[in-house]
């Protein structure tokens, strides 16, 4: 947090890429470890931006049963 939002976002992107690469040809354990890193840095970003996990769960619940195209079309611009 002390290094700012830019560093947090960079680290989140790095961990997302490492998770995706691990998913291509690593063991489930390796994917789990990379996923834990990714989730940790996502939680740090949420803390930095004032997003509570409950807000994310509510948004996911709102999307339940809605196609990705429908959800995207329903977003406010």
PDB file of N, CA and C in Angstrom:
ATOM      1  N   UNK A   1       0.811  -1.201   0.000  1.00  0.00           N
ATOM      2  CA  UNK A   1       0.000   0.000   0.000  1.00  0.00           C
ATOM      3  C   UNK A   1       0.853   1.262   0.000  1.00  0.00           C
ATOM      4  N   UNK A   2       1.986   1.197   0.671  1.00  0.00           N
ATOM      5  CA  UNK A   2       2.820   2.394   0.813  1.00  0.00           C
ATOM      6  C   UNK A   2       3.447   2.830  -0.511  1.00  0.00           C
ATOM      7  N   UNK A   3       3.526   1.931  -1.487  1.00  0.00           N
ATOM      8  CA  UNK A   3       4.141   2.283  -2.769  1.00  0.00           C
ATOM      9  C   UNK A   3       3.129   2.821  -3.783  1.00  0.00           C
ATOM     10  N   UNK A   4       1.875   2.876  -3.404  1.00  0.00           N
ATOM     11  CA  UNK A   4       0.871   3.502  -4.247  1.00  0.00           C
ATOM     12  C   UNK A   4       0.119   2.565  -5.162  1.00  0.00           C
ATOM     13  N   UNK A   5      -0.951   3.125  -5.710  1.00  0.00           N
ATOM     14  CA  UNK A   5      -1.866   2.360  -6.544  1.00  0.00           C
ATOM     15  C   UNK A   5      -1.189   1.819  -7.803  1.00  0.00           C
ATOM     16  N   UNK A   6      -0.292   2.586  -8.390  1.00  0.00           N
ATOM     17  CA  UNK A   6       0.395   2.109  -9.598  1.00  0.00           C
ATOM     18  C   UNK A   6       1.166   0.829  -9.354  1.00  0.00           C
ATOM     19  N   UNK A   7       1.885   0.771  -8.252  1.00  0.00           N
ATOM     20  CA  UNK A   7       2.656  -0.430  -7.901  1.00  0.00           C
ATOM     21  C   UNK A   7       1.720  -1.597  -7.607  1.00  0.00           C
ATOM     22  N   UNK A   8       0.614  -1.307  -6.929  1.00  0.00           N
ATOM     23  CA  UNK A   8      -0.365  -2.354  -6.621  1.00  0.00           C
ATOM     24  C   UNK A   8      -0.912  -2.947  -7.912  1.00  0.00           C
ATOM     25  N   UNK A   9      -1.280  -2.077  -8.859  1.00  0.00           N
ATOM     26  CA  UNK A   9      -1.821  -2.545 -10.132  1.00  0.00           C
ATOM     27  C   UNK A   9      -0.791  -3.332 -10.920  1.00  0.00           C
ATOM     28  N   UNK A  10       0.455  -2.884 -10.904  1.00  0.00           N
ATOM     29  CA  UNK A  10       1.516  -3.606 -11.599  1.00  0.00           C
ATOM     30  C   UNK A  10       1.695  -5.002 -11.007  1.00  0.00           C
ATOM     31  N   UNK A  11       1.681  -5.080  -9.696  1.00  0.00           N
ATOM     32  CA  UNK A  11       1.855  -6.374  -9.031  1.00  0.00           C
ATOM     33  C   UNK A  11       0.665  -7.292  -9.315  1.00  0.00           C
ATOM     34  N   UNK A  12      -0.531  -6.735  -9.333  1.00  0.00           N
ATOM     35  CA  UNK A  12      -1.721  -7.524  -9.643  1.00  0.00           C
ATOM     36  C   UNK A  12      -1.617  -8.095 -11.051  1.00  0.00           C
ATOM     37  N   UNK A  13      -1.196  -7.272 -12.003  1.00  0.00           N
ATOM     38  CA  UNK A  13      -1.024  -7.750 -13.373  1.00  0.00           C
ATOM     39  C   UNK A  13       0.029  -8.841 -13.477  1.00  0.00           C
ATOM     40  N   UNK A  14       1.126  -8.653 -12.761  1.00  0.00           N
ATOM     41  CA  UNK A  14       2.193  -9.659 -12.754  1.00  0.00           C
ATOM     42  C   UNK A  14       1.676 -10.989 -12.222  1.00  0.00           C
ATOM     43  N   UNK A  15       0.946 -10.934 -11.125  1.00  0.00           N
ATOM     44  CA  UNK A  15       0.430 -12.168 -10.523  1.00  0.00           C
ATOM     45  C   UNK A  15      -0.634 -12.818 -11.400  1.00  0.00           C
ATOM     46  N   UNK A  16      -1.439 -12.013 -12.097  1.00  0.00           N
ATOM     47  CA  UNK A  16      -2.442 -12.567 -13.013  1.00  0.00           C
ATOM     48  C   UNK A  16      -1.752 -13.332 -14.135  1.00  0.00           C
ATOM     49  N   UNK A  17      -0.689 -12.748 -14.680  1.00  0.00           N
ATOM     50  CA  UNK A  17       0.046 -13.411 -15.755  1.00  0.00           C
ATOM     51  C   UNK A  17       0.704 -14.688 -15.254  1.00  0.00           C
ATOM     52  N   UNK A  18       1.302 -14.649 -14.075  1.00  0.00           N
ATOM     53  CA  UNK A  18       1.933 -15.854 -13.527  1.00  0.00           C
ATOM     54  C   UNK A  18       0.911 -16.956 -13.299  1.00  0.00           C
ATOM     55  N   UNK A  19      -0.294 -16.588 -12.872  1.00  0.00           N
ATOM     56  CA  UNK A  19      -1.353 -17.582 -12.665  1.00  0.00           C
ATOM     57  C   UNK A  19      -1.771 -18.193 -13.997  1.00  0.00           C
ATOM     58  N   UNK A  20      -1.945 -17.352 -15.011  1.00  0.00           N
ATOM     59  CA  UNK A  20      -2.349 -17.848 -16.324  1.00  0.00           C
ATOM     60  C   UNK A  20      -1.283 -18.767 -16.917  1.00  0.00           C
ATOM     61  N   UNK A  21      -0.023 -18.387 -16.794  1.00  0.00           N
ATOM     62  CA  UNK A  21       1.070 -19.208 -17.328  1.00  0.00           C
ATOM     63  C   UNK A  21       1.134 -20.537 -16.579  1.00  0.00           C
ATOM     64  N   UNK A  22       0.980 -20.496 -15.271  1.00  0.00           N
ATOM     65  CA  UNK A  22       0.997 -21.735 -14.488  1.00  0.00           C
ATOM     66  C   UNK A  22      -0.138 -22.659 -14.903  1.00  0.00           C
ATOM     67  N   UNK A  23      -1.286 -22.085 -15.236  1.00  0.00           N
ATOM     68  CA  UNK A  23      -2.438 -22.899 -15.626  1.00  0.00           C
ATOM     69  C   UNK A  23      -2.202 -23.644 -16.936  1.00  0.00           C
ATOM     70  N   UNK A  24      -1.295 -23.154 -17.746  1.00  0.00           N
ATOM     71  CA  UNK A  24      -1.031 -23.801 -19.031  1.00  0.00           C
ATOM     72  C   UNK A  24      -0.315 -25.135 -18.889  1.00  0.00           C
ATOM     73  N   UNK A  25       0.674 -25.223 -17.987  1.00  0.00           N
ATOM     74  CA  UNK A  25       1.401 -26.488 -17.905  1.00  0.00           C
ATOM     75  C   UNK A  25       2.063 -26.757 -16.570  1.00  0.00           C
ATOM     76  N   UNK A  26       1.499 -26.246 -15.501  1.00  0.00           N
ATOM     77  CA  UNK A  26       2.030 -26.547 -14.173  1.00  0.00           C
ATOM     78  C   UNK A  26       1.045 -27.432 -13.411  1.00  0.00           C
ATOM     79  N   UNK A  27       1.473 -27.860 -12.249  1.00  0.00           N
ATOM     80  CA  UNK A  27       0.636 -28.724 -11.410  1.00  0.00           C
ATOM     81  C   UNK A  27      -0.489 -27.923 -10.756  1.00  0.00           C
ATOM     82  N   UNK A  28      -1.553 -28.596 -10.328  1.00  0.00           N
ATOM     83  CA  UNK A  28      -2.612 -27.884  -9.601  1.00  0.00           C
ATOM     84  C   UNK A  28      -2.081 -27.145  -8.369  1.00  0.00           C
ATOM     85  N   UNK A  29      -1.096 -27.717  -7.699  1.00  0.00           N
ATOM     86  CA  UNK A  29      -0.516 -27.055  -6.536  1.00  0.00           C
ATOM     87  C   UNK A  29       0.143 -25.739  -6.895  1.00  0.00           C
ATOM     88  N   UNK A  30       0.837 -25.728  -8.015  1.00  0.00           N
ATOM     89  CA  UNK A  30       1.489 -24.491  -8.474  1.00  0.00           C
ATOM     90  C   UNK A  30       0.435 -23.450  -8.841  1.00  0.00           C
ATOM     91  N   UNK A  31      -0.615 -23.882  -9.538  1.00  0.00           N
ATOM     92  CA  UNK A  31      -1.700 -22.961  -9.891  1.00  0.00           C
ATOM     93  C   UNK A  31      -2.347 -22.408  -8.623  1.00  0.00           C
ATOM     94  N   UNK A  32      -2.524 -23.239  -7.616  1.00  0.00           N
ATOM     95  CA  UNK A  32      -3.114 -22.784  -6.352  1.00  0.00           C
ATOM     96  C   UNK A  32      -2.225 -21.743  -5.684  1.00  0.00           C
ATOM     97  N   UNK A  33      -0.926 -21.959  -5.686  1.00  0.00           N
ATOM     98  CA  UNK A  33      -0.008 -20.996  -5.066  1.00  0.00           C
ATOM     99  C   UNK A  33      -0.022 -19.663  -5.808  1.00  0.00           C
ATOM    100  N   UNK A  34      -0.005 -19.715  -7.128  1.00  0.00           N
ATOM    101  CA  UNK A  34      -0.058 -18.476  -7.903  1.00  0.00           C
ATOM    102  C   UNK A  34      -1.411 -17.784  -7.716  1.00  0.00           C
ATOM    103  N   UNK A  35      -2.475 -18.570  -7.630  1.00  0.00           N
ATOM    104  CA  UNK A  35      -3.809 -18.008  -7.407  1.00  0.00           C
ATOM    105  C   UNK A  35      -3.898 -17.308  -6.058  1.00  0.00           C
ATOM    106  N   UNK A  36      -3.261 -17.878  -5.051  1.00  0.00           N
ATOM    107  CA  UNK A  36      -3.241 -17.246  -3.731  1.00  0.00           C
ATOM    108  C   UNK A  36      -2.544 -15.894  -3.802  1.00  0.00           C
ATOM    109  N   UNK A  37      -1.431 -15.827  -4.542  1.00  0.00           N
ATOM    110  CA  UNK A  37      -0.732 -14.553  -4.723  1.00  0.00           C
ATOM    111  C   UNK A  37      -1.638 -13.544  -5.421  1.00  0.00           C
ATOM    112  N   UNK A  38      -2.330 -13.998  -6.457  1.00  0.00           N
ATOM    113  CA  UNK A  38      -3.219 -13.125  -7.215  1.00  0.00           C
ATOM    114  C   UNK A  38      -4.352 -12.596  -6.337  1.00  0.00           C
ATOM    115  N   UNK A  39      -4.972 -13.467  -5.577  1.00  0.00           N
ATOM    116  CA  UNK A  39      -6.064 -13.040  -4.694  1.00  0.00           C
ATOM    117  C   UNK A  39      -5.571 -12.072  -3.624  1.00  0.00           C
ATOM    118  N   UNK A  40      -4.394 -12.314  -3.095  1.00  0.00           N
ATOM    119  CA  UNK A  40      -3.832 -11.413  -2.092  1.00  0.00           C
ATOM    120  C   UNK A  40      -3.689 -10.003  -2.662  1.00  0.00           C
ATOM    121  N   UNK A  41      -3.113  -9.912  -3.846  1.00  0.00           N
ATOM    122  CA  UNK A  41      -2.893  -8.589  -4.421  1.00  0.00           C
ATOM    123  C   UNK A  41      -4.200  -7.942  -4.869  1.00  0.00           C
ATOM    124  N   UNK A  42      -5.203  -8.732  -5.219  1.00  0.00           N
ATOM    125  CA  UNK A  42      -6.519  -8.180  -5.505  1.00  0.00           C
ATOM    126  C   UNK A  42      -7.130  -7.597  -4.233  1.00  0.00           C
ATOM    127  N   UNK A  43      -6.974  -8.292  -3.121  1.00  0.00           N
ATOM    128  CA  UNK A  43      -7.469  -7.774  -1.838  1.00  0.00           C
ATOM    129  C   UNK A  43      -6.762  -6.473  -1.450  1.00  0.00           C
ATOM    130  N   UNK A  44      -5.461  -6.390  -1.722  1.00  0.00           N
ATOM    131  CA  UNK A  44      -4.723  -5.159  -1.458  1.00  0.00           C
ATOM    132  C   UNK A  44      -5.296  -4.021  -2.304  1.00  0.00           C
ATOM    133  N   UNK A  45      -5.569  -4.302  -3.586  1.00  0.00           N
ATOM    134  CA  UNK A  45      -6.151  -3.280  -4.461  1.00  0.00           C
ATOM    135  C   UNK A  45      -7.522  -2.851  -3.957  1.00  0.00           C
ATOM    136  N   UNK A  46      -8.334  -3.816  -3.523  1.00  0.00           N
ATOM    137  CA  UNK A  46      -9.646  -3.462  -2.976  1.00  0.00           C
ATOM    138  C   UNK A  46      -9.493  -2.548  -1.775  1.00  0.00           C
ATOM    139  N   UNK A  47      -8.561  -2.860  -0.886  1.00  0.00           N
ATOM    140  CA  UNK A  47      -8.337  -2.020   0.294  1.00  0.00           C
ATOM    141  C   UNK A  47      -7.928  -0.614  -0.125  1.00  0.00           C
ATOM    142  N   UNK A  48      -7.062  -0.511  -1.100  1.00  0.00           N
ATOM    143  CA  UNK A  48      -6.594   0.790  -1.589  1.00  0.00           C
ATOM    144  C   UNK A  48      -7.726   1.615  -2.198  1.00  0.00           C
ATOM    145  N   UNK A  49      -8.646   0.949  -2.887  1.00  0.00           N
ATOM    146  CA  UNK A  49      -9.717   1.661  -3.588  1.00  0.00           C
ATOM    147  C   UNK A  49     -11.008   1.765  -2.789  1.00  0.00           C
ATOM    148  N   UNK A  50     -11.022   1.188  -1.594  1.00  0.00           N
ATOM    149  CA  UNK A  50     -12.216   1.281  -0.746  1.00  0.00           C
ATOM    150  C   UNK A  50     -13.326   0.318  -1.128  1.00  0.00           C
ATOM    151  N   UNK A  51     -12.978  -0.764  -1.798  1.00  0.00           N
ATOM    152  CA  UNK A  51     -13.963  -1.776  -2.177  1.00  0.00           C
ATOM    153  C   UNK A  51     -14.006  -2.847  -1.094  1.00  0.00           C
ATOM    154  N   UNK A  52     -15.186  -3.121  -0.585  1.00  0.00           N
ATOM    155  CA  UNK A  52     -15.363  -4.190   0.404  1.00  0.00           C
ATOM    156  C   UNK A  52     -15.671  -5.490  -0.329  1.00  0.00           C
ATOM    157  N   UNK A  53     -15.136  -6.607   0.150  1.00  0.00           N
ATOM    158  CA  UNK A  53     -15.444  -7.880  -0.496  1.00  0.00           C
ATOM    159  C   UNK A  53     -16.947  -8.105  -0.676  1.00  0.00           C
ATOM    160  N   UNK A  54     -17.750  -7.669   0.276  1.00  0.00           N
ATOM    161  CA  UNK A  54     -19.206  -7.836   0.172  1.00  0.00           C
ATOM    162  C   UNK A  54     -19.759  -7.167  -1.080  1.00  0.00           C
ATOM    163  N   UNK A  55     -19.170  -6.053  -1.487  1.00  0.00           N
ATOM    164  CA  UNK A  55     -19.616  -5.389  -2.714  1.00  0.00           C
ATOM    165  C   UNK A  55     -19.391  -6.281  -3.933  1.00  0.00           C
ATOM    166  N   UNK A  56     -18.276  -6.968  -3.954  1.00  0.00           N
ATOM    167  CA  UNK A  56     -17.955  -7.847  -5.075  1.00  0.00           C
ATOM    168  C   UNK A  56     -18.906  -9.035  -5.078  1.00  0.00           C
ATOM    169  N   UNK A  57     -19.160  -9.617  -3.910  1.00  0.00           N
ATOM    170  CA  UNK A  57     -20.070 -10.768  -3.827  1.00  0.00           C
ATOM    171  C   UNK A  57     -21.472 -10.352  -4.270  1.00  0.00           C
ATOM    172  N   UNK A  58     -21.907  -9.150  -3.862  1.00  0.00           N
ATOM    173  CA  UNK A  58     -23.223  -8.650  -4.281  1.00  0.00           C
ATOM    174  C   UNK A  58     -23.290  -8.499  -5.796  1.00  0.00           C
ATOM    175  N   UNK A  59     -22.231  -7.992  -6.397  1.00  0.00           N
ATOM    176  CA  UNK A  59     -22.201  -7.834  -7.848  1.00  0.00           C
ATOM    177  C   UNK A  59     -22.254  -9.181  -8.548  1.00  0.00           C
ATOM    178  N   UNK A  60     -21.529 -10.157  -8.032  1.00  0.00           N
ATOM    179  CA  UNK A  60     -21.577 -11.493  -8.618  1.00  0.00           C
ATOM    180  C   UNK A  60     -22.974 -12.094  -8.486  1.00  0.00           C
ATOM    181  N   UNK A  61     -23.612 -11.901  -7.352  1.00  0.00           N
ATOM    182  CA  UNK A  61     -24.974 -12.403  -7.155  1.00  0.00           C
ATOM    183  C   UNK A  61     -25.944 -11.740  -8.130  1.00  0.00           C
ATOM    184  N   UNK A  62     -25.750 -10.448  -8.372  1.00  0.00           N
ATOM    185  CA  UNK A  62     -26.616  -9.721  -9.298  1.00  0.00           C
ATOM    186  C   UNK A  62     -26.500 -10.298 -10.704  1.00  0.00           C
ATOM    187  N   UNK A  63     -25.329 -10.776 -11.056  1.00  0.00           N
ATOM    188  CA  UNK A  63     -25.080 -11.310 -12.393  1.00  0.00           C
ATOM    189  C   UNK A  63     -25.506 -12.760 -12.562  1.00  0.00           C
ATOM    190  N   UNK A  64     -25.884 -13.426 -11.496  1.00  0.00           N
ATOM    191  CA  UNK A  64     -26.239 -14.835 -11.555  1.00  0.00           C
ATOM    192  C   UNK A  64     -27.334 -15.064 -12.589  1.00  0.00           C
ATOM    193  N   UNK A  65     -27.063 -15.951 -13.531  1.00  0.00           N
ATOM    194  CA  UNK A  65     -28.035 -16.286 -14.560  1.00  0.00           C
ATOM    195  C   UNK A  65     -28.095 -15.306 -15.713  1.00  0.00           C
ATOM    196  N   UNK A  66     -27.206 -14.316 -15.728  1.00  0.00           N
ATOM    197  CA  UNK A  66     -27.176 -13.325 -16.798  1.00  0.00           C
ATOM    198  C   UNK A  66     -25.974 -13.612 -17.686  1.00  0.00           C
ATOM    199  N   UNK A  67     -26.195 -13.614 -18.990  1.00  0.00           N
ATOM    200  CA  UNK A  67     -25.069 -13.871 -19.891  1.00  0.00           C
ATOM    201  C   UNK A  67     -24.083 -12.712 -19.833  1.00  0.00           C
ATOM    202  N   UNK A  68     -22.856 -12.977 -20.217  1.00  0.00           N
ATOM    203  CA  UNK A  68     -21.836 -11.937 -20.238  1.00  0.00           C
ATOM    204  C   UNK A  68     -22.203 -10.784 -21.149  1.00  0.00           C
ATOM    205  N   UNK A  69     -22.828 -11.083 -22.286  1.00  0.00           N
ATOM    206  CA  UNK A  69     -23.224 -10.022 -23.212  1.00  0.00           C
ATOM    207  C   UNK A  69     -24.335  -9.154 -22.612  1.00  0.00           C
ATOM    208  N   UNK A  70     -25.299  -9.799 -21.971  1.00  0.00           N
ATOM    209  CA  UNK A  70     -26.382  -9.045 -21.327  1.00  0.00           C
ATOM    210  C   UNK A  70     -25.840  -8.175 -20.191  1.00  0.00           C
ATOM    211  N   UNK A  71     -24.946  -8.748 -19.396  1.00  0.00           N
ATOM    212  CA  UNK A  71     -24.382  -7.998 -18.265  1.00  0.00           C
ATOM    213  C   UNK A  71     -23.631  -6.789 -18.775  1.00  0.00           C
ATOM    214  N   UNK A  72     -22.816  -6.955 -19.789  1.00  0.00           N
ATOM    215  CA  UNK A  72     -22.033  -5.849 -20.324  1.00  0.00           C
ATOM    216  C   UNK A  72     -22.953  -4.767 -20.883  1.00  0.00           C
ATOM    217  N   UNK A  73     -24.019  -5.155 -21.568  1.00  0.00           N
ATOM    218  CA  UNK A  73     -24.952  -4.182 -22.145  1.00  0.00           C
ATOM    219  C   UNK A  73     -25.706  -3.407 -21.070  1.00  0.00           C
ATOM    220  N   UNK A  74     -25.854  -4.001 -19.876  1.00  0.00           N
ATOM    221  CA  UNK A  74     -26.617  -3.356 -18.811  1.00  0.00           C
ATOM    222  C   UNK A  74     -25.820  -2.363 -17.990  1.00  0.00           C
ATOM    223  N   UNK A  75     -24.509  -2.324 -18.184  1.00  0.00           N
ATOM    224  CA  UNK A  75     -23.666  -1.432 -17.395  1.00  0.00           C
ATOM    225  C   UNK A  75     -23.954   0.026 -17.713  1.00  0.00           C
ATOM    226  N   UNK A  76     -23.848   0.828 -16.674  1.00  0.00           N
ATOM    227  CA  UNK A  76     -23.983   2.275 -16.869  1.00  0.00           C
ATOM    228  C   UNK A  76     -22.748   2.782 -17.569  1.00  0.00           C
ATOM    229  N   UNK A  77     -22.903   3.761 -18.430  1.00  0.00           N
ATOM    230  CA  UNK A  77     -21.746   4.348 -19.121  1.00  0.00           C
ATOM    231  C   UNK A  77     -21.285   5.603 -18.456  1.00  0.00           C
TER     232      UNK A  77
END
